[in-house]
Amino acid sequence: MEKLFITFRSEEDIIAFVEVCCEYDDAIDIRAGKMLTDAKSILGMLLLKTGETFEIEYGCYDREDNYSQFREEILKKFQVTVKGEPDKRTSMAGL
């Protein structure tokens, strides 16, 4: 399973990321060590330090899994690293 990691260069980066996350109905969190922050919460996200790398956790709780679309969008707009094997969630969404 692949994992996504993001590094924010500025507070503007964080705000733009929150705006992207709010476009999706799925659960999106940022893991900072043992702490999880809702990626749709501007207040929580602005507590993160720029220049550090955080893991993105994406969870789909309905039949419409938009992970591939989300992944593609953030790879274009932000400093994101992908580690591990490609995630097969989309192909298994109908099971």
PDB file of N, CA and C in Angstrom:
ATOM      1  N   MET A   1       0.836  -1.178   0.000  1.00  0.00           N
ATOM      2  CA  MET A   1       0.000   0.000   0.000  1.00  0.00           C
ATOM      3  C   MET A   1       0.885   1.247   0.000  1.00  0.00           C
ATOM      4  N   GLU A   2       0.522   2.215  -0.819  1.00  0.00           N
ATOM      5  CA  GLU A   2       1.329   3.427  -0.882  1.00  0.00           C
ATOM      6  C   GLU A   2       0.962   4.399   0.232  1.00  0.00           C
ATOM      7  N   LYS A   3       1.921   5.260   0.541  1.00  0.00           N
ATOM      8  CA  LYS A   3       1.712   6.310   1.525  1.00  0.00           C
ATOM      9  C   LYS A   3       2.114   7.625   0.890  1.00  0.00           C
ATOM     10  N   LEU A   4       1.377   8.678   1.232  1.00  0.00           N
ATOM     11  CA  LEU A   4       1.664  10.010   0.724  1.00  0.00           C
ATOM     12  C   LEU A   4       2.228  10.870   1.850  1.00  0.00           C
ATOM     13  N   PHE A   5       3.283  11.619   1.541  1.00  0.00           N
ATOM     14  CA  PHE A   5       3.909  12.510   2.503  1.00  0.00           C
ATOM     15  C   PHE A   5       3.980  13.903   1.896  1.00  0.00           C
ATOM     16  N   ILE A   6       3.654  14.917   2.707  1.00  0.00           N
ATOM     17  CA  ILE A   6       3.624  16.289   2.214  1.00  0.00           C
ATOM     18  C   ILE A   6       4.503  17.178   3.083  1.00  0.00           C
ATOM     19  N   THR A   7       5.167  18.120   2.428  1.00  0.00           N
ATOM     20  CA  THR A   7       5.956  19.136   3.117  1.00  0.00           C
ATOM     21  C   THR A   7       5.398  20.489   2.703  1.00  0.00           C
ATOM     22  N   PHE A   8       4.973  21.261   3.677  1.00  0.00           N
ATOM     23  CA  PHE A   8       4.439  22.593   3.400  1.00  0.00           C
ATOM     24  C   PHE A   8       5.569  23.613   3.437  1.00  0.00           C
ATOM     25  N   ARG A   9       5.651  24.447   2.415  1.00  0.00           N
ATOM     26  CA  ARG A   9       6.700  25.460   2.337  1.00  0.00           C
ATOM     27  C   ARG A   9       6.287  26.770   2.994  1.00  0.00           C
ATOM     28  N   SER A  10       4.987  26.985   3.145  1.00  0.00           N
ATOM     29  CA  SER A  10       4.500  28.253   3.709  1.00  0.00           C
ATOM     30  C   SER A  10       3.099  28.055   4.274  1.00  0.00           C
ATOM     31  N   GLU A  11       2.627  29.053   5.017  1.00  0.00           N
ATOM     32  CA  GLU A  11       1.256  29.010   5.514  1.00  0.00           C
ATOM     33  C   GLU A  11       0.267  29.061   4.351  1.00  0.00           C
ATOM     34  N   GLU A  12       0.642  29.741   3.275  1.00  0.00           N
ATOM     35  CA  GLU A  12      -0.221  29.796   2.085  1.00  0.00           C
ATOM     36  C   GLU A  12      -0.393  28.397   1.490  1.00  0.00           C
ATOM     37  N   ASP A  13       0.672  27.601   1.518  1.00  0.00           N
ATOM     38  CA  ASP A  13       0.612  26.200   1.076  1.00  0.00           C
ATOM     39  C   ASP A  13      -0.404  25.421   1.915  1.00  0.00           C
ATOM     40  N   ILE A  14      -0.349  25.624   3.213  1.00  0.00           N
ATOM     41  CA  ILE A  14      -1.265  24.924   4.130  1.00  0.00           C
ATOM     42  C   ILE A  14      -2.708  25.318   3.827  1.00  0.00           C
ATOM     43  N   ILE A  15      -2.955  26.601   3.673  1.00  0.00           N
ATOM     44  CA  ILE A  15      -4.308  27.088   3.388  1.00  0.00           C
ATOM     45  C   ILE A  15      -4.813  26.520   2.067  1.00  0.00           C
ATOM     46  N   ALA A  16      -3.964  26.510   1.046  1.00  0.00           N
ATOM     47  CA  ALA A  16      -4.352  25.962  -0.261  1.00  0.00           C
ATOM     48  C   ALA A  16      -4.651  24.467  -0.151  1.00  0.00           C
ATOM     49  N   PHE A  17      -3.875  23.735   0.648  1.00  0.00           N
ATOM     50  CA  PHE A  17      -4.101  22.301   0.840  1.00  0.00           C
ATOM     51  C   PHE A  17      -5.446  22.062   1.528  1.00  0.00           C
ATOM     52  N   VAL A  18      -5.752  22.852   2.549  1.00  0.00           N
ATOM     53  CA  VAL A  18      -7.043  22.727   3.236  1.00  0.00           C
ATOM     54  C   VAL A  18      -8.185  22.952   2.247  1.00  0.00           C
ATOM     55  N   GLU A  19      -8.038  23.951   1.388  1.00  0.00           N
ATOM     56  CA  GLU A  19      -9.075  24.234   0.390  1.00  0.00           C
ATOM     57  C   GLU A  19      -9.282  23.044  -0.551  1.00  0.00           C
ATOM     58  N   VAL A  20      -8.197  22.403  -0.972  1.00  0.00           N
ATOM     59  CA  VAL A  20      -8.303  21.220  -1.824  1.00  0.00           C
ATOM     60  C   VAL A  20      -9.007  20.099  -1.063  1.00  0.00           C
ATOM     61  N   CYS A  21      -8.600  19.856   0.174  1.00  0.00           N
ATOM     62  CA  CYS A  21      -9.194  18.767   0.967  1.00  0.00           C
ATOM     63  C   CYS A  21     -10.691  18.973   1.173  1.00  0.00           C
ATOM     64  N   CYS A  22     -11.116  20.219   1.332  1.00  0.00           N
ATOM     65  CA  CYS A  22     -12.532  20.511   1.558  1.00  0.00           C
ATOM     66  C   CYS A  22     -13.396  20.211   0.335  1.00  0.00           C
ATOM     67  N   GLU A  23     -12.780  20.019  -0.817  1.00  0.00           N
ATOM     68  CA  GLU A  23     -13.524  19.668  -2.029  1.00  0.00           C
ATOM     69  C   GLU A  23     -13.938  18.192  -2.046  1.00  0.00           C
ATOM     70  N   TYR A  24     -13.407  17.401  -1.118  1.00  0.00           N
ATOM     71  CA  TYR A  24     -13.656  15.957  -1.085  1.00  0.00           C
ATOM     72  C   TYR A  24     -14.491  15.599   0.140  1.00  0.00           C
ATOM     73  N   ASP A  25     -15.451  14.665  -0.054  1.00  0.00           N
ATOM     74  CA  ASP A  25     -16.308  14.217   1.043  1.00  0.00           C
ATOM     75  C   ASP A  25     -15.607  13.220   1.956  1.00  0.00           C
ATOM     76  N   ASP A  26     -14.516  12.639   1.484  1.00  0.00           N
ATOM     77  CA  ASP A  26     -13.827  11.602   2.248  1.00  0.00           C
ATOM     78  C   ASP A  26     -13.031  12.209   3.411  1.00  0.00           C
ATOM     79  N   ALA A  27     -12.656  11.354   4.355  1.00  0.00           N
ATOM     80  CA  ALA A  27     -11.877  11.785   5.515  1.00  0.00           C
ATOM     81  C   ALA A  27     -10.411  11.926   5.112  1.00  0.00           C
ATOM     82  N   ILE A  28      -9.832  13.086   5.395  1.00  0.00           N
ATOM     83  CA  ILE A  28      -8.424  13.326   5.089  1.00  0.00           C
ATOM     84  C   ILE A  28      -7.777  13.883   6.347  1.00  0.00           C
ATOM     85  N   ASP A  29      -6.744  13.213   6.815  1.00  0.00           N
ATOM     86  CA  ASP A  29      -6.034  13.622   8.024  1.00  0.00           C
ATOM     87  C   ASP A  29      -4.554  13.763   7.732  1.00  0.00           C
ATOM     88  N   ILE A  30      -3.874  14.508   8.591  1.00  0.00           N
ATOM     89  CA  ILE A  30      -2.425  14.661   8.534  1.00  0.00           C
ATOM     90  C   ILE A  30      -1.865  14.075   9.820  1.00  0.00           C
ATOM     91  N   ARG A  31      -0.915  13.160   9.679  1.00  0.00           N
ATOM     92  CA  ARG A  31      -0.272  12.548  10.850  1.00  0.00           C
ATOM     93  C   ARG A  31       1.035  13.280  11.121  1.00  0.00           C
ATOM     94  N   ALA A  32       1.115  13.823  12.323  1.00  0.00           N
ATOM     95  CA  ALA A  32       2.331  14.487  12.798  1.00  0.00           C
ATOM     96  C   ALA A  32       2.787  13.712  14.033  1.00  0.00           C
ATOM     97  N   GLY A  33       3.662  12.735  13.820  1.00  0.00           N
ATOM     98  CA  GLY A  33       4.065  11.858  14.920  1.00  0.00           C
ATOM     99  C   GLY A  33       2.881  11.004  15.328  1.00  0.00           C
ATOM    100  N   LYS A  34       2.465  11.108  16.591  1.00  0.00           N
ATOM    101  CA  LYS A  34       1.310  10.346  17.083  1.00  0.00           C
ATOM    102  C   LYS A  34       0.014  11.148  16.996  1.00  0.00           C
ATOM    103  N   MET A  35       0.112  12.396  16.581  1.00  0.00           N
ATOM    104  CA  MET A  35      -1.049  13.276  16.525  1.00  0.00           C
ATOM    105  C   MET A  35      -1.683  13.274  15.134  1.00  0.00           C
ATOM    106  N   LEU A  36      -3.008  13.207  15.092  1.00  0.00           N
ATOM    107  CA  LEU A  36      -3.750  13.312  13.831  1.00  0.00           C
ATOM    108  C   LEU A  36      -4.462  14.656  13.803  1.00  0.00           C
ATOM    109  N   THR A  37      -4.387  15.324  12.660  1.00  0.00           N
ATOM    110  CA  THR A  37      -5.068  16.599  12.473  1.00  0.00           C
ATOM    111  C   THR A  37      -5.993  16.478  11.278  1.00  0.00           C
ATOM    112  N   ASP A  38      -7.214  16.941  11.424  1.00  0.00           N
ATOM    113  CA  ASP A  38      -8.169  16.950  10.320  1.00  0.00           C
ATOM    114  C   ASP A  38      -7.658  17.921   9.258  1.00  0.00           C
ATOM    115  N   ALA A  39      -7.413  17.429   8.059  1.00  0.00           N
ATOM    116  CA  ALA A  39      -6.845  18.252   6.992  1.00  0.00           C
ATOM    117  C   ALA A  39      -7.829  19.291   6.470  1.00  0.00           C
ATOM    118  N   LYS A  40      -9.075  19.220   6.915  1.00  0.00           N
ATOM    119  CA  LYS A  40     -10.076  20.208   6.511  1.00  0.00           C
ATOM    120  C   LYS A  40     -10.244  21.312   7.550  1.00  0.00           C
ATOM    121  N   SER A  41      -9.493  21.237   8.631  1.00  0.00           N
ATOM    122  CA  SER A  41      -9.558  22.221   9.713  1.00  0.00           C
ATOM    123  C   SER A  41      -8.424  23.231   9.565  1.00  0.00           C
ATOM    124  N   ILE A  42      -8.762  24.434   9.173  1.00  0.00           N
ATOM    125  CA  ILE A  42      -7.733  25.460   8.976  1.00  0.00           C
ATOM    126  C   ILE A  42      -6.995  25.761  10.278  1.00  0.00           C
ATOM    127  N   LEU A  43      -7.712  25.803  11.395  1.00  0.00           N
ATOM    128  CA  LEU A  43      -7.060  26.092  12.679  1.00  0.00           C
ATOM    129  C   LEU A  43      -6.076  24.995  13.069  1.00  0.00           C
ATOM    130  N   GLY A  44      -6.500  23.742  12.939  1.00  0.00           N
ATOM    131  CA  GLY A  44      -5.618  22.626  13.268  1.00  0.00           C
ATOM    132  C   GLY A  44      -4.408  22.562  12.350  1.00  0.00           C
ATOM    133  N   MET A  45      -4.634  22.800  11.077  1.00  0.00           N
ATOM    134  CA  MET A  45      -3.553  22.708  10.092  1.00  0.00           C
ATOM    135  C   MET A  45      -2.517  23.820  10.270  1.00  0.00           C
ATOM    136  N   LEU A  46      -2.956  24.996  10.655  1.00  0.00           N
ATOM    137  CA  LEU A  46      -2.006  26.100  10.826  1.00  0.00           C
ATOM    138  C   LEU A  46      -1.104  25.916  12.050  1.00  0.00           C
ATOM    139  N   LEU A  47      -1.412  24.920  12.879  1.00  0.00           N
ATOM    140  CA  LEU A  47      -0.532  24.587  14.006  1.00  0.00           C
ATOM    141  C   LEU A  47       0.689  23.788  13.560  1.00  0.00           C
ATOM    142  N   LEU A  48       0.629  23.230  12.327  1.00  0.00           N
ATOM    143  CA  LEU A  48       1.751  22.445  11.814  1.00  0.00           C
ATOM    144  C   LEU A  48       2.895  23.361  11.408  1.00  0.00           C
ATOM    145  N   LYS A  49       4.104  22.856  11.524  1.00  0.00           N
ATOM    146  CA  LYS A  49       5.291  23.627  11.156  1.00  0.00           C
ATOM    147  C   LYS A  49       5.596  23.469   9.674  1.00  0.00           C
ATOM    148  N   THR A  50       5.903  24.572   9.037  1.00  0.00           N
ATOM    149  CA  THR A  50       6.328  24.486   7.646  1.00  0.00           C
ATOM    150  C   THR A  50       7.737  23.906   7.607  1.00  0.00           C
ATOM    151  N   GLY A  51       8.054  23.244   6.518  1.00  0.00           N
ATOM    152  CA  GLY A  51       9.371  22.638   6.356  1.00  0.00           C
ATOM    153  C   GLY A  51       9.473  21.218   6.879  1.00  0.00           C
ATOM    154  N   GLU A  52       8.494  20.774   7.650  1.00  0.00           N
ATOM    155  CA  GLU A  52       8.481  19.398   8.146  1.00  0.00           C
ATOM    156  C   GLU A  52       7.633  18.537   7.214  1.00  0.00           C
ATOM    157  N   THR A  53       7.888  17.238   7.228  1.00  0.00           N
ATOM    158  CA  THR A  53       7.146  16.313   6.369  1.00  0.00           C
ATOM    159  C   THR A  53       6.122  15.559   7.203  1.00  0.00           C
ATOM    160  N   PHE A  54       4.893  15.483   6.661  1.00  0.00           N
ATOM    161  CA  PHE A  54       3.784  14.838   7.357  1.00  0.00           C
ATOM    162  C   PHE A  54       3.140  13.794   6.450  1.00  0.00           C
ATOM    163  N   GLU A  55       2.598  12.755   7.068  1.00  0.00           N
ATOM    164  CA  GLU A  55       1.904  11.714   6.312  1.00  0.00           C
ATOM    165  C   GLU A  55       0.439  12.117   6.110  1.00  0.00           C
ATOM    166  N   ILE A  56      -0.065  11.898   4.901  1.00  0.00           N
ATOM    167  CA  ILE A  56      -1.465  12.137   4.595  1.00  0.00           C
ATOM    168  C   ILE A  56      -2.202  10.812   4.731  1.00  0.00           C
ATOM    169  N   GLU A  57      -3.284  10.808   5.498  1.00  0.00           N
ATOM    170  CA  GLU A  57      -4.113   9.612   5.641  1.00  0.00           C
ATOM    171  C   GLU A  57      -5.469   9.906   5.001  1.00  0.00           C
ATOM    172  N   TYR A  58      -5.827   9.112   4.016  1.00  0.00           N
ATOM    173  CA  TYR A  58      -7.064   9.303   3.257  1.00  0.00           C
ATOM    174  C   TYR A  58      -7.982   8.130   3.529  1.00  0.00           C
ATOM    175  N   GLY A  59      -9.200   8.415   3.962  1.00  0.00           N
ATOM    176  CA  GLY A  59     -10.159   7.352   4.247  1.00  0.00           C
ATOM    177  C   GLY A  59     -11.477   7.587   3.545  1.00  0.00           C
ATOM    178  N   CYS A  60     -11.962   6.569   2.886  1.00  0.00           N
ATOM    179  CA  CYS A  60     -13.241   6.643   2.177  1.00  0.00           C
ATOM    180  C   CYS A  60     -14.248   5.784   2.926  1.00  0.00           C
ATOM    181  N   TYR A  61     -15.402   6.370   3.248  1.00  0.00           N
ATOM    182  CA  TYR A  61     -16.406   5.642   4.014  1.00  0.00           C
ATOM    183  C   TYR A  61     -17.718   5.468   3.259  1.00  0.00           C
ATOM    184  N   ASP A  62     -17.684   5.725   1.937  1.00  0.00           N
ATOM    185  CA  ASP A  62     -18.874   5.499   1.125  1.00  0.00           C
ATOM    186  C   ASP A  62     -18.462   4.798  -0.167  1.00  0.00           C
ATOM    187  N   ARG A  63     -19.344   4.658  -1.090  1.00  0.00           N
ATOM    188  CA  ARG A  63     -19.070   3.915  -2.315  1.00  0.00           C
ATOM    189  C   ARG A  63     -18.272   4.725  -3.329  1.00  0.00           C
ATOM    190  N   GLU A  64     -18.232   6.036  -3.170  1.00  0.00           N
ATOM    191  CA  GLU A  64     -17.536   6.887  -4.129  1.00  0.00           C
ATOM    192  C   GLU A  64     -16.146   7.236  -3.591  1.00  0.00           C
ATOM    193  N   ASP A  65     -15.154   6.500  -4.036  1.00  0.00           N
ATOM    194  CA  ASP A  65     -13.774   6.693  -3.586  1.00  0.00           C
ATOM    195  C   ASP A  65     -13.052   7.609  -4.572  1.00  0.00           C
ATOM    196  N   ASN A  66     -12.676   8.785  -4.108  1.00  0.00           N
ATOM    197  CA  ASN A  66     -12.027   9.779  -4.962  1.00  0.00           C
ATOM    198  C   ASN A  66     -10.520   9.871  -4.719  1.00  0.00           C
ATOM    199  N   TYR A  67      -9.943   8.816  -4.142  1.00  0.00           N
ATOM    200  CA  TYR A  67      -8.526   8.846  -3.797  1.00  0.00           C
ATOM    201  C   TYR A  67      -7.639   9.160  -4.997  1.00  0.00           C
ATOM    202  N   SER A  68      -7.871   8.511  -6.127  1.00  0.00           N
ATOM    203  CA  SER A  68      -7.019   8.719  -7.310  1.00  0.00           C
ATOM    204  C   SER A  68      -7.063  10.162  -7.772  1.00  0.00           C
ATOM    205  N   GLN A  69      -8.252  10.744  -7.771  1.00  0.00           N
ATOM    206  CA  GLN A  69      -8.408  12.140  -8.176  1.00  0.00           C
ATOM    207  C   GLN A  69      -7.692  13.063  -7.183  1.00  0.00           C
ATOM    208  N   PHE A  70      -7.871  12.812  -5.883  1.00  0.00           N
ATOM    209  CA  PHE A  70      -7.213  13.598  -4.839  1.00  0.00           C
ATOM    210  C   PHE A  70      -5.699  13.501  -4.981  1.00  0.00           C
ATOM    211  N   ARG A  71      -5.209  12.274  -5.149  1.00  0.00           N
ATOM    212  CA  ARG A  71      -3.767  12.025  -5.279  1.00  0.00           C
ATOM    213  C   ARG A  71      -3.197  12.815  -6.454  1.00  0.00           C
ATOM    214  N   GLU A  72      -3.854  12.735  -7.596  1.00  0.00           N
ATOM    215  CA  GLU A  72      -3.393  13.424  -8.800  1.00  0.00           C
ATOM    216  C   GLU A  72      -3.362  14.947  -8.583  1.00  0.00           C
ATOM    217  N   GLU A  73      -4.403  15.467  -7.945  1.00  0.00           N
ATOM    218  CA  GLU A  73      -4.477  16.911  -7.717  1.00  0.00           C
ATOM    219  C   GLU A  73      -3.375  17.407  -6.787  1.00  0.00           C
ATOM    220  N   ILE A  74      -3.134  16.707  -5.691  1.00  0.00           N
ATOM    221  CA  ILE A  74      -2.107  17.205  -4.760  1.00  0.00           C
ATOM    222  C   ILE A  74      -0.692  16.995  -5.297  1.00  0.00           C
ATOM    223  N   LEU A  75      -0.494  15.963  -6.114  1.00  0.00           N
ATOM    224  CA  LEU A  75       0.829  15.767  -6.714  1.00  0.00           C
ATOM    225  C   LEU A  75       1.180  16.928  -7.642  1.00  0.00           C
ATOM    226  N   LYS A  76       0.186  17.511  -8.283  1.00  0.00           N
ATOM    227  CA  LYS A  76       0.418  18.640  -9.184  1.00  0.00           C
ATOM    228  C   LYS A  76       0.666  19.940  -8.432  1.00  0.00           C
ATOM    229  N   LYS A  77       0.022  20.105  -7.276  1.00  0.00           N
ATOM    230  CA  LYS A  77       0.005  21.405  -6.604  1.00  0.00           C
ATOM    231  C   LYS A  77       0.958  21.552  -5.427  1.00  0.00           C
ATOM    232  N   PHE A  78       1.393  20.438  -4.832  1.00  0.00           N
ATOM    233  CA  PHE A  78       2.153  20.516  -3.591  1.00  0.00           C
ATOM    234  C   PHE A  78       3.403  19.635  -3.642  1.00  0.00           C
ATOM    235  N   GLN A  79       4.247  19.825  -2.653  1.00  0.00           N
ATOM    236  CA  GLN A  79       5.458  19.022  -2.532  1.00  0.00           C
ATOM    237  C   GLN A  79       5.086  17.718  -1.820  1.00  0.00           C
ATOM    238  N   VAL A  80       4.727  16.709  -2.622  1.00  0.00           N
ATOM    239  CA  VAL A  80       4.247  15.426  -2.101  1.00  0.00           C
ATOM    240  C   VAL A  80       5.158  14.316  -2.580  1.00  0.00           C
ATOM    241  N   THR A  81       5.471  13.390  -1.672  1.00  0.00           N
ATOM    242  CA  THR A  81       6.276  12.216  -1.986  1.00  0.00           C
ATOM    243  C   THR A  81       5.397  10.984  -1.825  1.00  0.00           C
ATOM    244  N   VAL A  82       5.500  10.046  -2.761  1.00  0.00           N
ATOM    245  CA  VAL A  82       4.756   8.791  -2.703  1.00  0.00           C
ATOM    246  C   VAL A  82       5.739   7.682  -2.369  1.00  0.00           C
ATOM    247  N   LYS A  83       5.414   6.896  -1.342  1.00  0.00           N
ATOM    248  CA  LYS A  83       6.262   5.768  -0.951  1.00  0.00           C
ATOM    249  C   LYS A  83       5.426   4.509  -0.923  1.00  0.00           C
ATOM    250  N   GLY A  84       6.012   3.426  -1.372  1.00  0.00           N
ATOM    251  CA  GLY A  84       5.318   2.147  -1.352  1.00  0.00           C
ATOM    252  C   GLY A  84       4.697   1.820  -2.690  1.00  0.00           C
ATOM    253  N   GLU A  85       3.931   0.745  -2.715  1.00  0.00           N
ATOM    254  CA  GLU A  85       3.295   0.265  -3.936  1.00  0.00           C
ATOM    255  C   GLU A  85       2.034   1.054  -4.223  1.00  0.00           C
ATOM    256  N   PRO A  86       1.649   1.174  -5.500  1.00  0.00           N
ATOM    257  CA  PRO A  86       0.413   1.882  -5.840  1.00  0.00           C
ATOM    258  C   PRO A  86      -0.785   1.304  -5.100  1.00  0.00           C
ATOM    259  N   ASP A  87      -1.645   2.185  -4.653  1.00  0.00           N
ATOM    260  CA  ASP A  87      -2.833   1.795  -3.912  1.00  0.00           C
ATOM    261  C   ASP A  87      -3.890   1.291  -4.883  1.00  0.00           C
ATOM    262  N   LYS A  88      -4.512   0.155  -4.568  1.00  0.00           N
ATOM    263  CA  LYS A  88      -5.491  -0.442  -5.463  1.00  0.00           C
ATOM    264  C   LYS A  88      -6.918  -0.173  -5.010  1.00  0.00           C
ATOM    265  N   ARG A  89      -7.128   0.832  -4.168  1.00  0.00           N
ATOM    266  CA  ARG A  89      -8.449   1.149  -3.639  1.00  0.00           C
ATOM    267  C   ARG A  89      -9.487   1.357  -4.729  1.00  0.00           C
ATOM    268  N   THR A  90      -9.130   2.137  -5.755  1.00  0.00           N
ATOM    269  CA  THR A  90     -10.101   2.491  -6.775  1.00  0.00           C
ATOM    270  C   THR A  90     -10.607   1.259  -7.502  1.00  0.00           C
ATOM    271  N   SER A  91      -9.711   0.321  -7.829  1.00  0.00           N
ATOM    272  CA  SER A  91     -10.130  -0.865  -8.549  1.00  0.00           C
ATOM    273  C   SER A  91     -10.956  -1.803  -7.674  1.00  0.00           C
ATOM    274  N   MET A  92     -10.880  -1.657  -6.355  1.00  0.00           N
ATOM    275  CA  MET A  92     -11.606  -2.532  -5.457  1.00  0.00           C
ATOM    276  C   MET A  92     -12.843  -1.843  -4.888  1.00  0.00           C
ATOM    277  N   ALA A  93     -13.117  -0.604  -5.279  1.00  0.00           N
ATOM    278  CA  ALA A  93     -14.211   0.162  -4.697  1.00  0.00           C
ATOM    279  C   ALA A  93     -15.572  -0.498  -4.890  1.00  0.00           C
ATOM    280  N   GLY A  94     -15.731  -1.223  -5.976  1.00  0.00           N
ATOM    281  CA  GLY A  94     -17.015  -1.854  -6.247  1.00  0.00           C
ATOM    282  C   GLY A  94     -17.229  -3.197  -5.569  1.00  0.00           C
ATOM    283  N   LEU A  95     -16.245  -3.687  -4.850  1.00  0.00           N
ATOM    284  CA  LEU A  95     -16.373  -5.000  -4.210  1.00  0.00           C
ATOM    285  C   LEU A  95     -17.178  -4.949  -2.936  1.00  0.00           C
TER     286      LEU A  95
END
